Each structure stands twice: as C-alpha cells, then as structure tokens.
Amino acid sequence: MAYDILIASVPVIGSYFYTYALYKIGLIRKTLHVNFWNFIIGLAFLFSGGAGFLLLILMDMGIVIPITPQLFYGHVEVGITLAIVTVFHFHCYWKSSLEMVFMRKKRTRT
C-alpha cells in the first residue's frame, strides 16, 4: 500500500505556516496560534493513537473486518502528518519546550 505523504501533509503544514505568519505580523496572538495547534496535535494523536490501539486489539484477537485496511491507512497518514507538525511546533517553540521538559523555572525580572 502506497501512502500519500505530501497530499496529507502539505495542507496541514501550509495551514500551520499560515497561522504562524498571522501571529508574526500581529493579526493573532501567540497563545491563539499555540493553543489552536496544540488542539490539532491532540486531536490527531487521539485519532492516530486510538486507531492504532483498535488495530492492535483486532490483530491480537485475529479479527479481520472490512474497514481494517482503511483504518490502518488513515492511522499511518495522520501519524505522519502529526509527526511533521510536531517537529515544526517544537522548532518554533523550542525554548518553552525545554522549560517544560527540564522543569526549569522562569527568571523573574526585578
């Protein structure tokens, strides 16, 4: 089965850069951009992770249903797109990502 990585990823990446550009030119706030894409990444993870978990259960039980190939295809497509957007998201916000991972305290200005 061939996967259409570009067909799935280009609109999402384009949308990401569009909202990022809106944030950079000051039409939307950074928090709106970040929260919107955190929500999209969360939804994509729920779909991809949920589909993967369901496929794992079906495979473990030896159950083959007609929707299994389409579910697997969607699972992989959304997972690839999710991974690409997550890389862009971490790249744009690597400082706050490091603070979250290492639990560093923010410096207060006096």
N, C-alpha and C. Protein backbone atom coordinates (compact mmCIF):
# COMPACT_ATOMS: atom_id res chain seq x y z
N MET A 1 0.85 -1.18 0.00
CA MET A 1 0.00 0.00 0.00
C MET A 1 0.89 1.24 0.00
N ALA A 2 0.63 2.14 -0.92
CA ALA A 2 1.41 3.38 -1.02
C ALA A 2 0.72 4.47 -0.20
N TYR A 3 1.52 5.26 0.47
CA TYR A 3 0.99 6.35 1.28
C TYR A 3 1.23 7.69 0.58
N ASP A 4 0.25 8.55 0.69
CA ASP A 4 0.31 9.88 0.08
C ASP A 4 0.74 10.89 1.13
N ILE A 5 2.02 10.90 1.42
CA ILE A 5 2.54 11.76 2.48
C ILE A 5 2.34 13.23 2.14
N LEU A 6 2.65 13.61 0.92
CA LEU A 6 2.52 15.03 0.54
C LEU A 6 1.07 15.49 0.52
N ILE A 7 0.19 14.64 0.01
CA ILE A 7 -1.23 15.04 -0.07
C ILE A 7 -1.79 15.29 1.32
N ALA A 8 -1.39 14.49 2.28
CA ALA A 8 -1.89 14.67 3.64
C ALA A 8 -1.16 15.79 4.38
N SER A 9 0.13 15.94 4.12
CA SER A 9 0.94 16.85 4.93
C SER A 9 0.95 18.30 4.44
N VAL A 10 0.94 18.52 3.14
CA VAL A 10 1.07 19.87 2.60
C VAL A 10 -0.03 20.81 3.08
N PRO A 11 -1.32 20.42 3.05
CA PRO A 11 -2.34 21.35 3.56
C PRO A 11 -2.17 21.66 5.04
N VAL A 12 -1.79 20.68 5.82
CA VAL A 12 -1.62 20.89 7.26
C VAL A 12 -0.42 21.79 7.52
N ILE A 13 0.69 21.52 6.85
CA ILE A 13 1.88 22.35 7.03
C ILE A 13 1.62 23.77 6.53
N GLY A 14 0.91 23.89 5.39
CA GLY A 14 0.55 25.21 4.89
C GLY A 14 -0.31 25.97 5.88
N SER A 15 -1.26 25.29 6.48
CA SER A 15 -2.12 25.92 7.48
C SER A 15 -1.31 26.34 8.70
N TYR A 16 -0.36 25.50 9.08
CA TYR A 16 0.48 25.84 10.22
C TYR A 16 1.27 27.12 9.95
N PHE A 17 1.91 27.18 8.79
CA PHE A 17 2.69 28.38 8.47
C PHE A 17 1.80 29.60 8.27
N TYR A 18 0.58 29.39 7.81
CA TYR A 18 -0.36 30.50 7.66
C TYR A 18 -0.70 31.11 9.02
N THR A 19 -1.05 30.27 9.99
CA THR A 19 -1.36 30.80 11.32
C THR A 19 -0.11 31.36 12.00
N TYR A 20 1.04 30.76 11.71
CA TYR A 20 2.30 31.28 12.26
C TYR A 20 2.59 32.67 11.68
N ALA A 21 2.35 32.85 10.38
CA ALA A 21 2.55 34.16 9.75
C ALA A 21 1.57 35.18 10.31
N LEU A 22 0.32 34.77 10.54
CA LEU A 22 -0.65 35.68 11.15
C LEU A 22 -0.19 36.13 12.53
N TYR A 23 0.40 35.20 13.26
CA TYR A 23 0.94 35.54 14.59
C TYR A 23 2.13 36.49 14.45
N LYS A 24 3.03 36.20 13.53
CA LYS A 24 4.24 37.03 13.38
C LYS A 24 3.93 38.45 12.94
N ILE A 25 2.88 38.64 12.11
CA ILE A 25 2.55 40.00 11.67
C ILE A 25 1.58 40.69 12.63
N GLY A 26 1.18 39.98 13.67
CA GLY A 26 0.40 40.60 14.72
C GLY A 26 -1.11 40.56 14.56
N LEU A 27 -1.61 39.75 13.64
CA LEU A 27 -3.06 39.66 13.46
C LEU A 27 -3.73 38.74 14.48
N ILE A 28 -2.99 37.77 14.98
CA ILE A 28 -3.49 36.92 16.05
C ILE A 28 -2.42 36.84 17.14
N ARG A 29 -2.83 36.48 18.32
CA ARG A 29 -1.88 36.36 19.43
C ARG A 29 -1.17 35.02 19.39
N LYS A 30 0.00 35.01 19.98
CA LYS A 30 0.79 33.78 20.02
C LYS A 30 0.02 32.67 20.72
N THR A 31 -0.68 33.02 21.79
CA THR A 31 -1.41 31.99 22.54
C THR A 31 -2.50 31.34 21.69
N LEU A 32 -3.15 32.12 20.81
CA LEU A 32 -4.16 31.53 19.94
C LEU A 32 -3.52 30.55 18.97
N HIS A 33 -2.41 30.95 18.36
CA HIS A 33 -1.69 30.06 17.43
C HIS A 33 -1.26 28.78 18.14
N VAL A 34 -0.63 28.92 19.29
CA VAL A 34 -0.12 27.76 20.02
C VAL A 34 -1.26 26.87 20.50
N ASN A 35 -2.29 27.45 21.09
CA ASN A 35 -3.40 26.65 21.59
C ASN A 35 -4.15 25.95 20.46
N PHE A 36 -4.33 26.63 19.33
CA PHE A 36 -5.00 26.02 18.18
C PHE A 36 -4.24 24.80 17.71
N TRP A 37 -2.91 24.92 17.57
CA TRP A 37 -2.13 23.79 17.08
C TRP A 37 -1.93 22.72 18.15
N ASN A 38 -1.92 23.10 19.40
CA ASN A 38 -1.92 22.07 20.45
C ASN A 38 -3.20 21.25 20.37
N PHE A 39 -4.32 21.91 20.11
CA PHE A 39 -5.60 21.22 19.96
C PHE A 39 -5.57 20.29 18.75
N ILE A 40 -5.07 20.77 17.61
CA ILE A 40 -4.99 19.95 16.40
C ILE A 40 -4.08 18.75 16.62
N ILE A 41 -2.92 18.98 17.24
CA ILE A 41 -1.99 17.88 17.52
C ILE A 41 -2.65 16.88 18.47
N GLY A 42 -3.37 17.37 19.45
CA GLY A 42 -4.07 16.47 20.38
C GLY A 42 -5.13 15.63 19.69
N LEU A 43 -5.94 16.26 18.82
CA LEU A 43 -6.96 15.51 18.07
C LEU A 43 -6.32 14.46 17.16
N ALA A 44 -5.25 14.86 16.48
CA ALA A 44 -4.57 13.92 15.59
C ALA A 44 -3.99 12.75 16.38
N PHE A 45 -3.45 13.05 17.55
CA PHE A 45 -2.92 11.98 18.39
C PHE A 45 -4.04 11.04 18.84
N LEU A 46 -5.17 11.61 19.24
CA LEU A 46 -6.29 10.76 19.67
C LEU A 46 -6.76 9.85 18.55
N PHE A 47 -6.87 10.40 17.33
CA PHE A 47 -7.29 9.57 16.21
C PHE A 47 -6.25 8.51 15.89
N SER A 48 -5.00 8.94 15.71
CA SER A 48 -3.95 8.01 15.31
C SER A 48 -3.69 6.97 16.41
N GLY A 49 -3.60 7.44 17.64
CA GLY A 49 -3.38 6.51 18.76
C GLY A 49 -4.55 5.58 18.98
N GLY A 50 -5.77 6.13 18.89
CA GLY A 50 -6.97 5.30 19.05
C GLY A 50 -7.09 4.26 17.96
N ALA A 51 -6.83 4.68 16.71
CA ALA A 51 -6.88 3.74 15.59
C ALA A 51 -5.80 2.66 15.74
N GLY A 52 -4.61 3.07 16.14
CA GLY A 52 -3.54 2.10 16.35
C GLY A 52 -3.88 1.11 17.46
N PHE A 53 -4.46 1.60 18.53
CA PHE A 53 -4.86 0.73 19.64
C PHE A 53 -5.95 -0.25 19.20
N LEU A 54 -6.93 0.25 18.46
CA LEU A 54 -8.01 -0.60 17.95
C LEU A 54 -7.45 -1.66 16.99
N LEU A 55 -6.55 -1.25 16.10
CA LEU A 55 -5.93 -2.20 15.18
C LEU A 55 -5.13 -3.26 15.93
N LEU A 56 -4.44 -2.86 16.98
CA LEU A 56 -3.68 -3.80 17.79
C LEU A 56 -4.60 -4.83 18.44
N ILE A 57 -5.70 -4.38 18.98
CA ILE A 57 -6.66 -5.30 19.61
C ILE A 57 -7.23 -6.25 18.57
N LEU A 58 -7.64 -5.72 17.42
CA LEU A 58 -8.19 -6.58 16.37
C LEU A 58 -7.17 -7.61 15.90
N MET A 59 -5.93 -7.18 15.71
CA MET A 59 -4.88 -8.09 15.26
C MET A 59 -4.59 -9.16 16.32
N ASP A 60 -4.56 -8.75 17.57
CA ASP A 60 -4.28 -9.68 18.66
C ASP A 60 -5.38 -10.74 18.78
N MET A 61 -6.61 -10.33 18.50
CA MET A 61 -7.73 -11.27 18.60
C MET A 61 -7.95 -12.04 17.30
N GLY A 62 -7.19 -11.72 16.26
CA GLY A 62 -7.32 -12.42 14.99
C GLY A 62 -8.56 -12.03 14.20
N ILE A 63 -9.08 -10.84 14.49
CA ILE A 63 -10.29 -10.38 13.82
C ILE A 63 -9.91 -9.51 12.63
N VAL A 64 -10.47 -9.85 11.49
CA VAL A 64 -10.26 -9.04 10.29
C VAL A 64 -11.63 -8.53 9.85
N ILE A 65 -11.79 -7.22 9.81
CA ILE A 65 -13.03 -6.62 9.36
C ILE A 65 -12.76 -5.83 8.10
N PRO A 66 -13.78 -5.58 7.28
CA PRO A 66 -13.55 -4.89 6.00
C PRO A 66 -12.92 -3.50 6.14
N ILE A 67 -13.12 -2.82 7.24
CA ILE A 67 -12.59 -1.45 7.38
C ILE A 67 -11.13 -1.42 7.83
N THR A 68 -10.58 -2.55 8.19
CA THR A 68 -9.22 -2.59 8.72
C THR A 68 -8.18 -1.93 7.80
N PRO A 69 -8.14 -2.21 6.50
CA PRO A 69 -7.13 -1.54 5.65
C PRO A 69 -7.29 -0.03 5.61
N GLN A 70 -8.52 0.47 5.55
CA GLN A 70 -8.74 1.91 5.52
C GLN A 70 -8.36 2.54 6.86
N LEU A 71 -8.66 1.85 7.95
CA LEU A 71 -8.30 2.35 9.27
C LEU A 71 -6.78 2.41 9.42
N PHE A 72 -6.10 1.39 8.94
CA PHE A 72 -4.64 1.37 9.00
C PHE A 72 -4.05 2.49 8.15
N TYR A 73 -4.60 2.69 6.96
CA TYR A 73 -4.14 3.75 6.07
C TYR A 73 -4.31 5.12 6.74
N GLY A 74 -5.49 5.37 7.29
CA GLY A 74 -5.75 6.63 7.99
C GLY A 74 -4.84 6.82 9.19
N HIS A 75 -4.61 5.74 9.92
CA HIS A 75 -3.74 5.77 11.09
C HIS A 75 -2.33 6.21 10.69
N VAL A 76 -1.80 5.66 9.62
CA VAL A 76 -0.45 6.00 9.18
C VAL A 76 -0.39 7.42 8.64
N GLU A 77 -1.37 7.81 7.81
CA GLU A 77 -1.39 9.16 7.23
C GLU A 77 -1.46 10.23 8.31
N VAL A 78 -2.35 10.07 9.27
CA VAL A 78 -2.49 11.05 10.34
C VAL A 78 -1.24 11.04 11.23
N GLY A 79 -0.69 9.87 11.46
CA GLY A 79 0.53 9.78 12.28
C GLY A 79 1.71 10.49 11.64
N ILE A 80 1.87 10.34 10.34
CA ILE A 80 2.98 11.02 9.64
C ILE A 80 2.78 12.52 9.69
N THR A 81 1.58 12.97 9.40
CA THR A 81 1.28 14.40 9.45
C THR A 81 1.47 14.95 10.86
N LEU A 82 1.03 14.20 11.85
CA LEU A 82 1.20 14.59 13.25
C LEU A 82 2.68 14.74 13.59
N ALA A 83 3.49 13.82 13.14
CA ALA A 83 4.92 13.88 13.42
C ALA A 83 5.56 15.12 12.79
N ILE A 84 5.18 15.43 11.56
CA ILE A 84 5.75 16.59 10.86
C ILE A 84 5.34 17.88 11.56
N VAL A 85 4.06 18.03 11.88
CA VAL A 85 3.59 19.24 12.55
C VAL A 85 4.22 19.38 13.93
N THR A 86 4.40 18.27 14.63
CA THR A 86 5.01 18.31 15.95
C THR A 86 6.46 18.80 15.85
N VAL A 87 7.19 18.38 14.82
CA VAL A 87 8.56 18.85 14.64
C VAL A 87 8.58 20.36 14.41
N PHE A 88 7.68 20.87 13.54
CA PHE A 88 7.60 22.32 13.32
C PHE A 88 7.23 23.03 14.61
N HIS A 89 6.29 22.47 15.34
CA HIS A 89 5.81 23.10 16.57
C HIS A 89 6.94 23.18 17.60
N PHE A 90 7.69 22.11 17.78
CA PHE A 90 8.81 22.13 18.71
C PHE A 90 9.91 23.07 18.23
N HIS A 91 10.12 23.13 16.91
CA HIS A 91 11.15 24.02 16.38
C HIS A 91 10.81 25.47 16.67
N CYS A 92 9.55 25.83 16.48
CA CYS A 92 9.14 27.22 16.70
C CYS A 92 9.12 27.59 18.18
N TYR A 93 8.92 26.61 19.04
CA TYR A 93 8.78 26.89 20.47
C TYR A 93 9.74 26.04 21.29
N TRP A 94 10.99 25.94 20.82
CA TRP A 94 11.95 25.08 21.49
C TRP A 94 12.30 25.57 22.88
N LYS A 95 12.28 26.87 23.11
CA LYS A 95 12.62 27.37 24.44
C LYS A 95 11.59 26.94 25.47
N SER A 96 10.32 27.14 25.16
CA SER A 96 9.28 26.73 26.11
C SER A 96 9.21 25.21 26.21
N SER A 97 9.56 24.50 25.13
CA SER A 97 9.60 23.03 25.18
C SER A 97 10.68 22.56 26.13
N LEU A 98 11.85 23.21 26.08
CA LEU A 98 12.92 22.85 27.00
C LEU A 98 12.53 23.13 28.45
N GLU A 99 11.86 24.26 28.66
CA GLU A 99 11.42 24.58 30.02
C GLU A 99 10.44 23.54 30.53
N MET A 100 9.57 23.05 29.64
CA MET A 100 8.59 22.06 30.05
C MET A 100 9.27 20.72 30.35
N VAL A 101 10.22 20.32 29.51
CA VAL A 101 10.89 19.03 29.69
C VAL A 101 11.78 19.03 30.92
N PHE A 102 12.56 20.09 31.10
CA PHE A 102 13.51 20.12 32.21
C PHE A 102 12.99 20.84 33.44
N MET A 103 11.73 21.31 33.38
CA MET A 103 11.07 21.94 34.52
C MET A 103 11.90 23.08 35.10
N ARG A 104 12.52 23.85 34.21
CA ARG A 104 13.30 25.00 34.68
C ARG A 104 12.36 26.12 35.07
N LYS A 105 12.75 26.83 36.07
CA LYS A 105 11.96 27.98 36.49
C LYS A 105 12.28 29.15 35.61
N LYS A 106 11.27 29.91 35.29
CA LYS A 106 11.49 31.13 34.51
C LYS A 106 12.11 32.18 35.41
N ARG A 107 13.01 32.96 34.83
CA ARG A 107 13.61 34.03 35.59
C ARG A 107 12.61 35.16 35.74
N THR A 108 12.58 35.73 36.89
CA THR A 108 11.71 36.89 37.11
C THR A 108 12.54 38.15 36.97
N ARG A 109 11.96 39.13 36.37
CA ARG A 109 12.67 40.39 36.20
C ARG A 109 12.43 41.27 37.42
N THR A 110 13.50 41.87 37.88
CA THR A 110 13.37 42.75 39.05
C THR A 110 13.74 44.15 38.70
